[in-house]
Amino acid sequence: MKKIKLSNESMSDLKKVLGYLIASEEKSYEEYVFNQFEGSFVNSSDFIFNKDFYNNPNVKHIYATARRIKDNIF
C-alpha cells in the first residue's frame, strides 16, 4: 500500500472533516443500526458507538467508515 504524507495543516483539516462527518451522521447511524441489526444485540447506544461494533465490516454507514478512518490515521 502506498503511503501518503500529510502536512500538519492537512492533518488538521482532515481531523475537522472527519469530526464534522462523525457529528453530523451520528443520529442517522443510530437509526441505521437499530433498523439493520435489530434483535442482534441489546439496544444500547453505548455498544453501537463502541469500536468493537462500528469496526465490523458488515456495518456499512458513513459514520462507521469515518470512525474507522479516524482510528487508523490518528
N, C-alpha and C. Protein backbone atom coordinates (compact mmCIF):
# COMPACT_ATOMS: atom_id res chain seq x y z
N MET A 1 0.85 -1.17 0.00
CA MET A 1 0.00 0.00 0.00
C MET A 1 0.89 1.24 0.00
N LYS A 2 0.51 2.21 -0.79
CA LYS A 2 1.28 3.43 -0.90
C LYS A 2 0.93 4.36 0.26
N LYS A 3 1.93 4.95 0.87
CA LYS A 3 1.71 5.88 1.98
C LYS A 3 1.59 7.30 1.45
N ILE A 4 0.74 8.06 2.11
CA ILE A 4 0.54 9.46 1.75
C ILE A 4 1.08 10.33 2.87
N LYS A 5 1.92 11.27 2.53
CA LYS A 5 2.44 12.20 3.54
C LYS A 5 1.52 13.39 3.62
N LEU A 6 1.14 13.73 4.84
CA LEU A 6 0.27 14.88 5.07
C LEU A 6 1.00 15.91 5.91
N SER A 7 0.80 17.16 5.58
CA SER A 7 1.38 18.24 6.37
C SER A 7 0.56 18.42 7.65
N ASN A 8 1.07 19.20 8.58
CA ASN A 8 0.31 19.48 9.80
C ASN A 8 -1.01 20.16 9.47
N GLU A 9 -0.98 21.03 8.49
CA GLU A 9 -2.20 21.74 8.09
C GLU A 9 -3.23 20.78 7.49
N SER A 10 -2.78 19.89 6.62
CA SER A 10 -3.73 18.96 6.01
C SER A 10 -4.25 17.94 7.03
N MET A 11 -3.42 17.57 8.01
CA MET A 11 -3.88 16.68 9.08
C MET A 11 -4.95 17.39 9.91
N SER A 12 -4.75 18.65 10.18
CA SER A 12 -5.73 19.43 10.93
C SER A 12 -7.04 19.52 10.16
N ASP A 13 -6.95 19.76 8.85
CA ASP A 13 -8.14 19.83 8.01
C ASP A 13 -8.86 18.48 7.96
N LEU A 14 -8.09 17.42 7.88
CA LEU A 14 -8.68 16.08 7.86
C LEU A 14 -9.41 15.78 9.16
N LYS A 15 -8.84 16.17 10.28
CA LYS A 15 -9.50 15.99 11.58
C LYS A 15 -10.83 16.74 11.62
N LYS A 16 -10.84 17.96 11.07
CA LYS A 16 -12.07 18.76 11.05
C LYS A 16 -13.14 18.09 10.20
N VAL A 17 -12.76 17.61 9.02
CA VAL A 17 -13.72 16.96 8.13
C VAL A 17 -14.28 15.69 8.77
N LEU A 18 -13.40 14.87 9.33
CA LEU A 18 -13.86 13.65 9.98
C LEU A 18 -14.74 13.96 11.19
N GLY A 19 -14.37 14.96 11.96
CA GLY A 19 -15.18 15.37 13.11
C GLY A 19 -16.56 15.81 12.67
N TYR A 20 -16.62 16.58 11.59
CA TYR A 20 -17.90 17.04 11.06
C TYR A 20 -18.75 15.85 10.59
N LEU A 21 -18.15 14.94 9.83
CA LEU A 21 -18.88 13.76 9.35
C LEU A 21 -19.41 12.92 10.50
N ILE A 22 -18.57 12.70 11.48
CA ILE A 22 -18.96 11.87 12.62
C ILE A 22 -20.12 12.53 13.38
N ALA A 23 -20.00 13.80 13.64
CA ALA A 23 -21.06 14.51 14.39
C ALA A 23 -22.36 14.57 13.59
N SER A 24 -22.27 14.84 12.30
CA SER A 24 -23.48 15.02 11.50
C SER A 24 -24.19 13.70 11.20
N GLU A 25 -23.48 12.60 11.21
CA GLU A 25 -24.06 11.31 10.87
C GLU A 25 -24.41 10.44 12.08
N GLU A 26 -24.16 10.93 13.27
CA GLU A 26 -24.36 10.13 14.48
C GLU A 26 -25.80 9.63 14.63
N LYS A 27 -26.77 10.50 14.49
CA LYS A 27 -28.18 10.11 14.65
C LYS A 27 -28.61 9.16 13.54
N SER A 28 -28.21 9.46 12.32
CA SER A 28 -28.52 8.59 11.18
C SER A 28 -27.93 7.20 11.39
N TYR A 29 -26.71 7.14 11.90
CA TYR A 29 -26.04 5.87 12.18
C TYR A 29 -26.82 5.07 13.22
N GLU A 30 -27.26 5.72 14.27
CA GLU A 30 -28.01 5.05 15.33
C GLU A 30 -29.30 4.44 14.75
N GLU A 31 -30.01 5.18 13.92
CA GLU A 31 -31.23 4.68 13.29
C GLU A 31 -30.91 3.52 12.35
N TYR A 32 -29.84 3.66 11.57
CA TYR A 32 -29.41 2.60 10.65
C TYR A 32 -29.13 1.30 11.40
N VAL A 33 -28.39 1.39 12.48
CA VAL A 33 -28.02 0.19 13.24
C VAL A 33 -29.26 -0.48 13.81
N PHE A 34 -30.14 0.30 14.42
CA PHE A 34 -31.32 -0.31 15.02
C PHE A 34 -32.25 -0.92 13.96
N ASN A 35 -32.27 -0.35 12.76
CA ASN A 35 -33.09 -0.93 11.68
C ASN A 35 -32.43 -2.15 11.04
N GLN A 36 -31.12 -2.09 10.83
CA GLN A 36 -30.41 -3.17 10.14
C GLN A 36 -30.10 -4.36 11.04
N PHE A 37 -29.85 -4.09 12.31
CA PHE A 37 -29.36 -5.14 13.20
C PHE A 37 -30.31 -5.40 14.36
N GLU A 38 -31.58 -4.98 14.25
CA GLU A 38 -32.49 -5.12 15.38
C GLU A 38 -32.60 -6.59 15.79
N GLY A 39 -32.60 -6.81 17.08
CA GLY A 39 -32.67 -8.16 17.62
C GLY A 39 -31.34 -8.88 17.70
N SER A 40 -30.29 -8.30 17.09
CA SER A 40 -28.98 -8.95 17.09
C SER A 40 -28.18 -8.65 18.36
N PHE A 41 -28.60 -7.65 19.10
CA PHE A 41 -27.85 -7.24 20.29
C PHE A 41 -28.78 -6.48 21.21
N VAL A 42 -28.31 -6.19 22.37
CA VAL A 42 -29.06 -5.37 23.31
C VAL A 42 -29.11 -3.95 22.76
N ASN A 43 -30.27 -3.33 22.73
CA ASN A 43 -30.40 -1.97 22.20
C ASN A 43 -29.71 -0.98 23.13
N SER A 44 -28.44 -0.81 22.93
CA SER A 44 -27.64 0.07 23.76
C SER A 44 -26.83 1.00 22.88
N SER A 45 -27.04 2.29 23.04
CA SER A 45 -26.28 3.27 22.27
C SER A 45 -24.79 3.18 22.59
N ASP A 46 -24.46 2.89 23.85
CA ASP A 46 -23.05 2.77 24.21
C ASP A 46 -22.37 1.69 23.39
N PHE A 47 -23.06 0.58 23.17
CA PHE A 47 -22.49 -0.54 22.44
C PHE A 47 -22.26 -0.21 20.97
N ILE A 48 -23.22 0.44 20.33
CA ILE A 48 -23.09 0.68 18.89
C ILE A 48 -22.05 1.75 18.58
N PHE A 49 -21.72 2.59 19.53
CA PHE A 49 -20.68 3.60 19.33
C PHE A 49 -19.32 3.11 19.79
N ASN A 50 -19.25 1.85 20.21
CA ASN A 50 -18.02 1.22 20.65
C ASN A 50 -17.24 0.73 19.43
N LYS A 51 -15.93 0.85 19.47
CA LYS A 51 -15.09 0.44 18.34
C LYS A 51 -15.32 -1.01 17.94
N ASP A 52 -15.58 -1.88 18.90
CA ASP A 52 -15.80 -3.29 18.58
C ASP A 52 -16.99 -3.47 17.64
N PHE A 53 -17.97 -2.57 17.73
CA PHE A 53 -19.14 -2.69 16.86
C PHE A 53 -18.93 -1.95 15.54
N TYR A 54 -18.61 -0.66 15.58
CA TYR A 54 -18.53 0.10 14.32
C TYR A 54 -17.36 -0.32 13.45
N ASN A 55 -16.39 -1.03 14.01
CA ASN A 55 -15.25 -1.51 13.24
C ASN A 55 -15.59 -2.77 12.43
N ASN A 56 -16.76 -3.32 12.65
CA ASN A 56 -17.22 -4.51 11.93
C ASN A 56 -17.46 -4.14 10.45
N PRO A 57 -16.88 -4.88 9.50
CA PRO A 57 -17.05 -4.54 8.09
C PRO A 57 -18.50 -4.68 7.61
N ASN A 58 -19.35 -5.38 8.35
CA ASN A 58 -20.76 -5.50 7.98
C ASN A 58 -21.54 -4.22 8.27
N VAL A 59 -20.96 -3.31 9.03
CA VAL A 59 -21.61 -2.04 9.33
C VAL A 59 -21.21 -1.07 8.23
N LYS A 60 -22.13 -0.86 7.31
CA LYS A 60 -21.86 -0.03 6.14
C LYS A 60 -22.61 1.29 6.27
N HIS A 61 -22.01 2.23 6.93
CA HIS A 61 -22.59 3.55 7.12
C HIS A 61 -21.46 4.56 7.15
N ILE A 62 -21.72 5.77 6.68
CA ILE A 62 -20.68 6.81 6.61
C ILE A 62 -20.09 7.10 7.98
N TYR A 63 -20.90 7.06 9.03
CA TYR A 63 -20.40 7.29 10.39
C TYR A 63 -19.34 6.24 10.74
N ALA A 64 -19.66 4.96 10.53
CA ALA A 64 -18.71 3.89 10.87
C ALA A 64 -17.45 3.99 10.03
N THR A 65 -17.61 4.33 8.75
CA THR A 65 -16.46 4.48 7.87
C THR A 65 -15.56 5.62 8.34
N ALA A 66 -16.16 6.76 8.69
CA ALA A 66 -15.38 7.90 9.17
C ALA A 66 -14.67 7.57 10.47
N ARG A 67 -15.34 6.84 11.36
CA ARG A 67 -14.69 6.45 12.63
C ARG A 67 -13.52 5.50 12.38
N ARG A 68 -13.69 4.55 11.45
CA ARG A 68 -12.59 3.63 11.14
C ARG A 68 -11.40 4.38 10.56
N ILE A 69 -11.67 5.34 9.67
CA ILE A 69 -10.59 6.14 9.09
C ILE A 69 -9.89 6.93 10.18
N LYS A 70 -10.66 7.61 11.02
CA LYS A 70 -10.08 8.41 12.10
C LYS A 70 -9.22 7.54 13.02
N ASP A 71 -9.72 6.37 13.38
CA ASP A 71 -8.97 5.45 14.24
C ASP A 71 -7.66 5.02 13.61
N ASN A 72 -7.67 4.79 12.31
CA ASN A 72 -6.46 4.33 11.63
C ASN A 72 -5.45 5.43 11.38
N ILE A 73 -5.91 6.65 11.22
CA ILE A 73 -4.99 7.76 10.95
C ILE A 73 -4.41 8.34 12.23
N PHE A 74 -5.27 8.52 13.23
CA PHE A 74 -4.83 9.20 14.44
C PHE A 74 -4.60 8.18 15.51
